PDB file of all heavy atoms in Angstrom:
ATOM      1  N   TRP A   1      -2.683  -9.413   8.963  1.00  0.00           N
ATOM      2  CA  TRP A   1      -2.121  -8.417   8.044  1.00  0.00           C
ATOM      3  C   TRP A   1      -3.137  -7.366   7.674  1.00  0.00           C
ATOM      4  O   TRP A   1      -2.885  -6.161   7.767  1.00  0.00           O
ATOM      5  CB  TRP A   1      -1.603  -9.101   6.778  1.00  0.00           C
ATOM      6  CG  TRP A   1      -1.158  -8.118   5.736  1.00  0.00           C
ATOM      7  CD1 TRP A   1       0.020  -7.442   5.682  1.00  0.00           C
ATOM      8  CD2 TRP A   1      -1.916  -7.682   4.603  1.00  0.00           C
ATOM      9  NE1 TRP A   1       0.044  -6.625   4.594  1.00  0.00           N
ATOM     10  CE2 TRP A   1      -1.121  -6.739   3.912  1.00  0.00           C
ATOM     11  CE3 TRP A   1      -3.186  -7.987   4.107  1.00  0.00           C
ATOM     12  CZ2 TRP A   1      -1.553  -6.120   2.760  1.00  0.00           C
ATOM     13  CZ3 TRP A   1      -3.611  -7.365   2.960  1.00  0.00           C
ATOM     14  CH2 TRP A   1      -2.805  -6.448   2.307  1.00  0.00           C
ATOM     15  N   LEU A   2      -4.326  -7.805   7.252  1.00  0.00           N
ATOM     16  CA  LEU A   2      -5.315  -6.854   6.759  1.00  0.00           C
ATOM     17  C   LEU A   2      -5.821  -5.928   7.848  1.00  0.00           C
ATOM     18  O   LEU A   2      -5.981  -4.727   7.622  1.00  0.00           O
ATOM     19  CB  LEU A   2      -6.477  -7.616   6.122  1.00  0.00           C
ATOM     20  CG  LEU A   2      -6.166  -8.144   4.721  1.00  0.00           C
ATOM     21  CD1 LEU A   2      -7.195  -9.187   4.310  1.00  0.00           C
ATOM     22  CD2 LEU A   2      -6.123  -7.033   3.703  1.00  0.00           C
ATOM     23  N   MET A   3      -6.058  -6.441   9.046  1.00  0.00           N
ATOM     24  CA  MET A   3      -6.538  -5.594  10.111  1.00  0.00           C
ATOM     25  C   MET A   3      -5.508  -4.522  10.452  1.00  0.00           C
ATOM     26  O   MET A   3      -5.836  -3.377  10.728  1.00  0.00           O
ATOM     27  CB  MET A   3      -6.881  -6.423  11.360  1.00  0.00           C
ATOM     28  CG  MET A   3      -8.130  -7.271  11.190  1.00  0.00           C
ATOM     29  SD  MET A   3      -9.589  -6.280  10.750  1.00  0.00           S
ATOM     30  CE  MET A   3     -10.831  -7.568  10.683  1.00  0.00           C
ATOM     31  N   ALA A   4      -4.233  -4.901  10.422  1.00  0.00           N
ATOM     32  CA  ALA A   4      -3.185  -3.927  10.715  1.00  0.00           C
ATOM     33  C   ALA A   4      -3.133  -2.829   9.675  1.00  0.00           C
ATOM     34  O   ALA A   4      -3.060  -1.644  10.000  1.00  0.00           O
ATOM     35  CB  ALA A   4      -1.825  -4.647  10.789  1.00  0.00           C
ATOM     36  N   VAL A   5      -3.185  -3.221   8.398  1.00  0.00           N
ATOM     37  CA  VAL A   5      -3.071  -2.191   7.372  1.00  0.00           C
ATOM     38  C   VAL A   5      -4.305  -1.327   7.294  1.00  0.00           C
ATOM     39  O   VAL A   5      -4.228  -0.133   7.002  1.00  0.00           O
ATOM     40  CB  VAL A   5      -2.757  -2.800   5.981  1.00  0.00           C
ATOM     41  CG1 VAL A   5      -1.393  -3.457   5.986  1.00  0.00           C
ATOM     42  CG2 VAL A   5      -3.827  -3.767   5.522  1.00  0.00           C
ATOM     43  N   PHE A   6      -5.479  -1.883   7.589  1.00  0.00           N
ATOM     44  CA  PHE A   6      -6.678  -1.060   7.553  1.00  0.00           C
ATOM     45  C   PHE A   6      -6.731  -0.118   8.749  1.00  0.00           C
ATOM     46  O   PHE A   6      -7.257   0.980   8.651  1.00  0.00           O
ATOM     47  CB  PHE A   6      -7.933  -1.917   7.482  1.00  0.00           C
ATOM     48  CG  PHE A   6      -8.127  -2.548   6.144  1.00  0.00           C
ATOM     49  CD1 PHE A   6      -8.331  -3.914   6.022  1.00  0.00           C
ATOM     50  CD2 PHE A   6      -8.080  -1.794   4.988  1.00  0.00           C
ATOM     51  CE1 PHE A   6      -8.496  -4.498   4.777  1.00  0.00           C
ATOM     52  CE2 PHE A   6      -8.242  -2.369   3.751  1.00  0.00           C
ATOM     53  CZ  PHE A   6      -8.447  -3.719   3.644  1.00  0.00           C
ATOM     54  N   ALA A   7      -6.183  -0.546   9.886  1.00  0.00           N
ATOM     55  CA  ALA A   7      -6.077   0.365  11.019  1.00  0.00           C
ATOM     56  C   ALA A   7      -5.157   1.510  10.660  1.00  0.00           C
ATOM     57  O   ALA A   7      -5.405   2.675  10.982  1.00  0.00           O
ATOM     58  CB  ALA A   7      -5.543  -0.387  12.235  1.00  0.00           C
ATOM     59  N   TRP A   8      -4.055   1.184   9.968  1.00  0.00           N
ATOM     60  CA  TRP A   8      -3.144   2.220   9.479  1.00  0.00           C
ATOM     61  C   TRP A   8      -3.862   3.152   8.525  1.00  0.00           C
ATOM     62  O   TRP A   8      -3.701   4.374   8.582  1.00  0.00           O
ATOM     63  CB  TRP A   8      -1.965   1.547   8.774  1.00  0.00           C
ATOM     64  CG  TRP A   8      -1.030   2.514   8.110  1.00  0.00           C
ATOM     65  CD1 TRP A   8       0.069   3.106   8.627  1.00  0.00           C
ATOM     66  CD2 TRP A   8      -1.138   3.010   6.771  1.00  0.00           C
ATOM     67  NE1 TRP A   8       0.641   3.927   7.712  1.00  0.00           N
ATOM     68  CE2 TRP A   8      -0.064   3.894   6.567  1.00  0.00           C
ATOM     69  CE3 TRP A   8      -2.048   2.784   5.726  1.00  0.00           C
ATOM     70  CZ2 TRP A   8       0.125   4.549   5.361  1.00  0.00           C
ATOM     71  CZ3 TRP A   8      -1.853   3.452   4.531  1.00  0.00           C
ATOM     72  CH2 TRP A   8      -0.773   4.314   4.357  1.00  0.00           C
ATOM     73  N   ALA A   9      -4.679   2.600   7.641  1.00  0.00           N
ATOM     74  CA  ALA A   9      -5.356   3.409   6.622  1.00  0.00           C
ATOM     75  C   ALA A   9      -6.288   4.420   7.244  1.00  0.00           C
ATOM     76  O   ALA A   9      -6.416   5.549   6.766  1.00  0.00           O
ATOM     77  CB  ALA A   9      -6.146   2.501   5.677  1.00  0.00           C
ATOM     78  N   ALA A  10      -6.952   4.029   8.308  1.00  0.00           N
ATOM     79  CA  ALA A  10      -7.922   4.921   8.933  1.00  0.00           C
ATOM     80  C   ALA A  10      -7.259   6.172   9.485  1.00  0.00           C
ATOM     81  O   ALA A  10      -7.900   7.208   9.663  1.00  0.00           O
ATOM     82  CB  ALA A  10      -8.642   4.181  10.058  1.00  0.00           C
ATOM     83  N   LEU A  11      -5.945   6.087   9.748  1.00  0.00           N
ATOM     84  CA  LEU A  11      -5.229   7.214  10.326  1.00  0.00           C
ATOM     85  C   LEU A  11      -4.390   7.977   9.319  1.00  0.00           C
ATOM     86  O   LEU A  11      -3.657   8.883   9.683  1.00  0.00           O
ATOM     87  CB  LEU A  11      -4.306   6.694  11.449  1.00  0.00           C
ATOM     88  CG  LEU A  11      -5.017   5.995  12.616  1.00  0.00           C
ATOM     89  CD1 LEU A  11      -3.971   5.410  13.567  1.00  0.00           C
ATOM     90  CD2 LEU A  11      -5.926   6.968  13.350  1.00  0.00           C
ATOM     91  N   SER A  12      -4.495   7.610   8.051  1.00  0.00           N
ATOM     92  CA  SER A  12      -3.549   8.181   7.088  1.00  0.00           C
ATOM     93  C   SER A  12      -4.207   8.670   5.815  1.00  0.00           C
ATOM     94  O   SER A  12      -3.668   8.523   4.737  1.00  0.00           O
ATOM     95  CB  SER A  12      -2.494   7.128   6.736  1.00  0.00           C
ATOM     96  OG  SER A  12      -3.119   5.970   6.243  1.00  0.00           O
ATOM     97  N   LEU A  13      -5.359   9.287   5.857  1.00  0.00           N
ATOM     98  CA  LEU A  13      -5.973   9.901   4.697  1.00  0.00           C
ATOM     99  C   LEU A  13      -5.147  11.106   4.280  1.00  0.00           C
ATOM    100  O   LEU A  13      -4.574  11.796   5.119  1.00  0.00           O
ATOM    101  CB  LEU A  13      -7.413  10.312   5.026  1.00  0.00           C
ATOM    102  CG  LEU A  13      -8.375   9.158   5.326  1.00  0.00           C
ATOM    103  CD1 LEU A  13      -9.713   9.715   5.802  1.00  0.00           C
ATOM    104  CD2 LEU A  13      -8.576   8.278   4.126  1.00  0.00           C
ATOM    105  N   PRO A  14      -5.045  11.473   2.957  1.00  0.00           N
ATOM    106  CA  PRO A  14      -5.718  10.773   1.884  1.00  0.00           C
ATOM    107  C   PRO A  14      -5.066   9.429   1.607  1.00  0.00           C
ATOM    108  O   PRO A  14      -3.881   9.281   1.755  1.00  0.00           O
ATOM    109  CB  PRO A  14      -5.566  11.712   0.679  1.00  0.00           C
ATOM    110  CG  PRO A  14      -4.315  12.461   0.980  1.00  0.00           C
ATOM    111  CD  PRO A  14      -4.264  12.620   2.495  1.00  0.00           C
ATOM    112  N   LEU A  15      -5.871   8.460   1.169  1.00  0.00           N
ATOM    113  CA  LEU A  15      -5.408   7.093   1.080  1.00  0.00           C
ATOM    114  C   LEU A  15      -4.700   6.771  -0.219  1.00  0.00           C
ATOM    115  O   LEU A  15      -4.027   5.764  -0.315  1.00  0.00           O
ATOM    116  CB  LEU A  15      -6.592   6.142   1.276  1.00  0.00           C
ATOM    117  CG  LEU A  15      -7.102   6.143   2.721  1.00  0.00           C
ATOM    118  CD1 LEU A  15      -8.502   5.556   2.772  1.00  0.00           C
ATOM    119  CD2 LEU A  15      -6.177   5.357   3.617  1.00  0.00           C
ATOM    120  N   LEU A  16      -4.854   7.598  -1.213  1.00  0.00           N
ATOM    121  CA  LEU A  16      -4.143   7.353  -2.459  1.00  0.00           C
ATOM    122  C   LEU A  16      -2.832   8.106  -2.418  1.00  0.00           C
ATOM    123  O   LEU A  16      -2.797   9.325  -2.420  1.00  0.00           O
ATOM    124  CB  LEU A  16      -4.995   7.804  -3.651  1.00  0.00           C
ATOM    125  CG  LEU A  16      -6.267   6.990  -3.833  1.00  0.00           C
ATOM    126  CD1 LEU A  16      -6.993   7.457  -5.083  1.00  0.00           C
ATOM    127  CD2 LEU A  16      -5.980   5.516  -3.918  1.00  0.00           C
ATOM    128  N   SER A  17      -1.741   7.345  -2.345  1.00  0.00           N
ATOM    129  CA  SER A  17      -0.430   7.962  -2.187  1.00  0.00           C
ATOM    130  C   SER A  17      -0.059   8.771  -3.415  1.00  0.00           C
ATOM    131  O   SER A  17      -0.226   8.321  -4.541  1.00  0.00           O
ATOM    132  CB  SER A  17       0.620   6.862  -1.984  1.00  0.00           C
ATOM    133  OG  SER A  17       1.919   7.388  -2.093  1.00  0.00           O
ATOM    134  N   PRO A  18       0.477   9.994  -3.227  1.00  0.00           N
ATOM    135  CA  PRO A  18       0.914  10.780  -4.372  1.00  0.00           C
ATOM    136  C   PRO A  18       2.193  10.242  -4.979  1.00  0.00           C
ATOM    137  O   PRO A  18       2.569  10.595  -6.080  1.00  0.00           O
ATOM    138  CB  PRO A  18       1.133  12.176  -3.772  1.00  0.00           C
ATOM    139  CG  PRO A  18       1.468  11.910  -2.342  1.00  0.00           C
ATOM    140  CD  PRO A  18       0.659  10.708  -1.960  1.00  0.00           C
ATOM    141  N   ASN A  19       2.900   9.362  -4.245  1.00  0.00           N
ATOM    142  CA  ASN A  19       4.171   8.839  -4.724  1.00  0.00           C
ATOM    143  C   ASN A  19       4.045   7.356  -5.007  1.00  0.00           C
ATOM    144  O   ASN A  19       4.156   6.529  -4.110  1.00  0.00           O
ATOM    145  CB  ASN A  19       5.265   9.067  -3.673  1.00  0.00           C
ATOM    146  CG  ASN A  19       5.466  10.537  -3.374  1.00  0.00           C
ATOM    147  OD1 ASN A  19       5.565  11.338  -4.286  1.00  0.00           O
ATOM    148  ND2 ASN A  19       5.517  10.884  -2.081  1.00  0.00           N
ATOM    149  N   ALA A  20       3.773   7.016  -6.242  1.00  0.00           N
ATOM    150  CA  ALA A  20       3.655   5.609  -6.619  1.00  0.00           C
ATOM    151  C   ALA A  20       4.992   4.912  -6.500  1.00  0.00           C
ATOM    152  O   ALA A  20       6.046   5.543  -6.479  1.00  0.00           O
ATOM    153  CB  ALA A  20       3.129   5.502  -8.057  1.00  0.00           C
ATOM    154  N   LEU A  21       4.969   3.610  -6.379  1.00  0.00           N
ATOM    155  CA  LEU A  21       6.208   2.858  -6.304  1.00  0.00           C
ATOM    156  C   LEU A  21       7.042   3.090  -7.563  1.00  0.00           C
ATOM    157  O   LEU A  21       6.517   3.198  -8.662  1.00  0.00           O
ATOM    158  CB  LEU A  21       5.902   1.364  -6.180  1.00  0.00           C
ATOM    159  CG  LEU A  21       5.082   0.949  -4.951  1.00  0.00           C
ATOM    160  CD1 LEU A  21       4.803  -0.539  -5.043  1.00  0.00           C
ATOM    161  CD2 LEU A  21       5.791   1.289  -3.674  1.00  0.00           C
ATOM    162  N   ALA A  22       8.351   3.155  -7.374  1.00  0.00           N
ATOM    163  CA  ALA A  22       9.223   3.364  -8.522  1.00  0.00           C
ATOM    164  C   ALA A  22       9.163   2.168  -9.456  1.00  0.00           C
ATOM    165  O   ALA A  22       9.263   2.303 -10.663  1.00  0.00           O
ATOM    166  CB  ALA A  22      10.652   3.592  -8.046  1.00  0.00           C
ATOM    167  N   ALA A  23       9.003   0.992  -8.880  1.00  0.00           N
ATOM    168  CA  ALA A  23       8.916  -0.214  -9.699  1.00  0.00           C
ATOM    169  C   ALA A  23       8.284  -1.313  -8.862  1.00  0.00           C
ATOM    170  O   ALA A  23       8.328  -1.280  -7.633  1.00  0.00           O
ATOM    171  CB  ALA A  23      10.301  -0.643 -10.179  1.00  0.00           C
ATOM    172  N   VAL A  24       7.708  -2.269  -9.539  1.00  0.00           N
ATOM    173  CA  VAL A  24       7.195  -3.445  -8.853  1.00  0.00           C
ATOM    174  C   VAL A  24       7.957  -4.648  -9.366  1.00  0.00           C
ATOM    175  O   VAL A  24       8.497  -4.642 -10.471  1.00  0.00           O
ATOM    176  CB  VAL A  24       5.679  -3.631  -9.087  1.00  0.00           C
ATOM    177  CG1 VAL A  24       4.908  -2.506  -8.426  1.00  0.00           C
ATOM    178  CG2 VAL A  24       5.349  -3.713 -10.575  1.00  0.00           C
ATOM    179  N   THR A  25       8.012  -5.664  -8.545  1.00  0.00           N
ATOM    180  CA  THR A  25       8.835  -6.825  -8.860  1.00  0.00           C
ATOM    181  C   THR A  25       7.953  -8.025  -9.145  1.00  0.00           C
ATOM    182  O   THR A  25       7.123  -8.407  -8.307  1.00  0.00           O
ATOM    183  CB  THR A  25       9.777  -7.159  -7.686  1.00  0.00           C
ATOM    184  OG1 THR A  25      10.571  -6.007  -7.382  1.00  0.00           O
ATOM    185  CG2 THR A  25      10.673  -8.333  -8.032  1.00  0.00           C
ATOM    186  N   GLU A  26       8.130  -8.602 -10.318  1.00  0.00           N
ATOM    187  CA  GLU A  26       7.393  -9.824 -10.631  1.00  0.00           C
ATOM    188  C   GLU A  26       7.822 -10.927  -9.680  1.00  0.00           C
ATOM    189  O   GLU A  26       9.007 -11.106  -9.404  1.00  0.00           O
ATOM    190  CB  GLU A  26       7.656 -10.244 -12.084  1.00  0.00           C
ATOM    191  CG  GLU A  26       6.873 -11.470 -12.501  1.00  0.00           C
ATOM    192  CD  GLU A  26       7.081 -11.838 -13.967  1.00  0.00           C
ATOM    193  OE1 GLU A  26       7.678 -11.036 -14.696  1.00  0.00           O
ATOM    194  OE2 GLU A  26       6.646 -12.940 -14.341  1.00  0.00           O
ATOM    195  N   GLY A  27       6.852 -11.643  -9.152  1.00  0.00           N
ATOM    196  CA  GLY A  27       7.141 -12.666  -8.169  1.00  0.00           C
ATOM    197  C   GLY A  27       7.035 -12.162  -6.750  1.00  0.00           C
ATOM    198  O   GLY A  27       7.053 -12.943  -5.795  1.00  0.00           O
ATOM    199  N   LYS A  28       6.898 -10.834  -6.594  1.00  0.00           N
ATOM    200  CA  LYS A  28       6.715 -10.249  -5.267  1.00  0.00           C
ATOM    201  C   LYS A  28       5.365  -9.554  -5.196  1.00  0.00           C
ATOM    202  O   LYS A  28       4.397 -10.100  -4.699  1.00  0.00           O
ATOM    203  CB  LYS A  28       7.849  -9.287  -4.938  1.00  0.00           C
ATOM    204  CG  LYS A  28       7.767  -8.726  -3.520  1.00  0.00           C
ATOM    205  CD  LYS A  28       8.911  -7.753  -3.239  1.00  0.00           C
ATOM    206  CE  LYS A  28       8.773  -7.161  -1.829  1.00  0.00           C
ATOM    207  NZ  LYS A  28       9.837  -6.164  -1.549  1.00  0.00           N
ATOM    208  N   GLU A  29       5.281  -8.325  -5.724  1.00  0.00           N
ATOM    209  CA  GLU A  29       4.005  -7.598  -5.669  1.00  0.00           C
ATOM    210  C   GLU A  29       2.979  -8.134  -6.652  1.00  0.00           C
ATOM    211  O   GLU A  29       1.783  -7.907  -6.486  1.00  0.00           O
ATOM    212  CB  GLU A  29       4.216  -6.101  -5.921  1.00  0.00           C
ATOM    213  CG  GLU A  29       4.946  -5.355  -4.837  1.00  0.00           C
ATOM    214  CD  GLU A  29       6.446  -5.329  -5.070  1.00  0.00           C
ATOM    215  OE1 GLU A  29       6.905  -5.931  -6.067  1.00  0.00           O
ATOM    216  OE2 GLU A  29       7.160  -4.711  -4.270  1.00  0.00           O
ATOM    217  N   PHE A  30       3.455  -8.822  -7.690  1.00  0.00           N
ATOM    218  CA  PHE A  30       2.542  -9.426  -8.651  1.00  0.00           C
ATOM    219  C   PHE A  30       3.208 -10.627  -9.289  1.00  0.00           C
ATOM    220  O   PHE A  30       4.426 -10.817  -9.184  1.00  0.00           O
ATOM    221  CB  PHE A  30       2.134  -8.416  -9.735  1.00  0.00           C
ATOM    222  CG  PHE A  30       3.194  -8.184 -10.788  1.00  0.00           C
ATOM    223  CD1 PHE A  30       3.145  -8.847 -12.013  1.00  0.00           C
ATOM    224  CD2 PHE A  30       4.256  -7.317 -10.554  1.00  0.00           C
ATOM    225  CE1 PHE A  30       4.124  -8.645 -12.982  1.00  0.00           C
ATOM    226  CE2 PHE A  30       5.228  -7.100 -11.518  1.00  0.00           C
ATOM    227  CZ  PHE A  30       5.163  -7.764 -12.736  1.00  0.00           C
ATOM    228  N   LYS A  31       2.390 -11.451  -9.934  1.00  0.00           N
ATOM    229  CA  LYS A  31       2.943 -12.553 -10.695  1.00  0.00           C
ATOM    230  C   LYS A  31       2.127 -12.720 -11.968  1.00  0.00           C
ATOM    231  O   LYS A  31       0.960 -12.313 -12.032  1.00  0.00           O
ATOM    232  CB  LYS A  31       2.928 -13.849  -9.894  1.00  0.00           C
ATOM    233  CG  LYS A  31       1.540 -14.417  -9.621  1.00  0.00           C
ATOM    234  CD  LYS A  31       1.634 -15.745  -8.878  1.00  0.00           C
ATOM    235  CE  LYS A  31       0.254 -16.346  -8.625  1.00  0.00           C
ATOM    236  NZ  LYS A  31       0.325 -17.634  -7.895  1.00  0.00           N
TER     237      LYS A  31
END
């Protein structure tokens, strides 16, 4: 997982997305 996403990151600067998630779900993105 991490190698894939970091390979993606290297090709997609700027790395801080201007569009934050509309919401996060407890039990999924965080707990």
